[in-house]
């Protein structure tokens, strides 16, 4: 039996069906949609108590690297490594890169592949399923977890089980994987009792996965190996070689390996699982009132039934509505029939085509040093509220097109302006003219808050020339 394993957390998803909460720079895995922790944090913490679990390997993109690092720090977890993908290439290359890393640490390393944005409500049953899967993986099998379907859902792939595995409880040979079915086909799958939802979680030895990947998709294995070999360390991150990884074909673990190998087995896992793939799925998973409503935030319901209502920044009142999804943020509101929430992705695509920004960021934008919030904007001006964490600093930078006026409202700022550095206290201000080389730091032990007023002919975030940055941003 494999005594230990490396959790592999895949954190590259965009979660566009959960707009307006989930956005490109703050997708659903970083949001507290179910509990007080984010989905990523829940994914990591539910492994606590599992014997033999190493520190996790996390794969994310560069845009989210500091979000991942900060959220893991908040729960007291230091990852084995955080791998940064220069571009998205689906799950098969990401798992391959992690497999090469795990093998470098332990020749017979076992990987437990976990999406970062799923819900598992029965943690003891989850741990029991892991205990069944690990010996199977140690014996050379590629293990997936099948979820007993609660109904004919068309949004999931399915696994048809084959013969039982005598030496392992609730385990079966995999007869076949099938695509997301239409409703009539899904009804047949559910009534037959031989089909399970494909959870997208896997357990296998790194060596065995790479053997099968080289057998079926050798070009993916070769490109992933080249990207890992030429990767470079950057702070606590491992940056894959961009050219090698961009040349890698895009494919999923399912298509590249699991559907082709004869070594795939399934462990039945009745663990209260959901991929949290839509607002309807969040309604399914939520705590309901006597009229089957799920609410979050400042919500007033009157004669409403079967609704999901989420208020993030203000009061939301719903009167006489059935089976609606209402999600409010400070810059966008979604109202949808609960049966059509899969179509939210089309709203995001429309926003992108129109070159809008509501699908990219919230009004609060997180940075490794803290965050800023957009307060107001007009022709040739923009107002932001900035928070800098204790001991952190923005880059040494300049702007070609805008000047900035900073007013400290709480804390003390250390401000560098060309060759001058001085402290700016609460209720004091300073002016940064166009072209001045400047830096903002928080030398104190409490968060620094200030108001920034920008003025000029162009106010885009790309008007930043960085000379020095402790976070090594370009």
Foldseek 3Di string as FASTA:
>chain_A
DDQAAAEEEEEADQLLLPPPVTFRLRGQQQDPLAHPGGLLLVVVVLCPPQGRYDFHEYEYAPSCVLSVVVSCVVVPGDHPAYEHAPDDQAALLVLLLVLVVQCVVPVFHKYKYDYSQKDFDASVLVSVLVVLQVVLQSVLFKEFAFEQDPALDQPFKKWFFDDADVVGPQKGFTPAIGHRDPRVVSRVQNVVRRMTTGQLIIMHTSVSLLVQLCVQPVQSNVLSVQQNVPWDDAPRHTYTDRVSSVPHHHDYSCVRGVRPDSRYMYHYGHGRIDSCSHVLVSLVSADADPQSEHEADQEAEACEHNEYEYADDDYDYDYNYYQWYWYDDPPDIDIDRSVPSSCSSVVLVVCVVVVHCSNHDDQWRADSQGIKGWDDDDQFKTKIKDKGAAFDKFFFKAFQWKKKKKAWQDAKKWKDWAPDTDIAHHRGMDIHDHPTGMMIHHNDNGMTIIMMMMGGNDDDPVRIDGDGDPSPDD
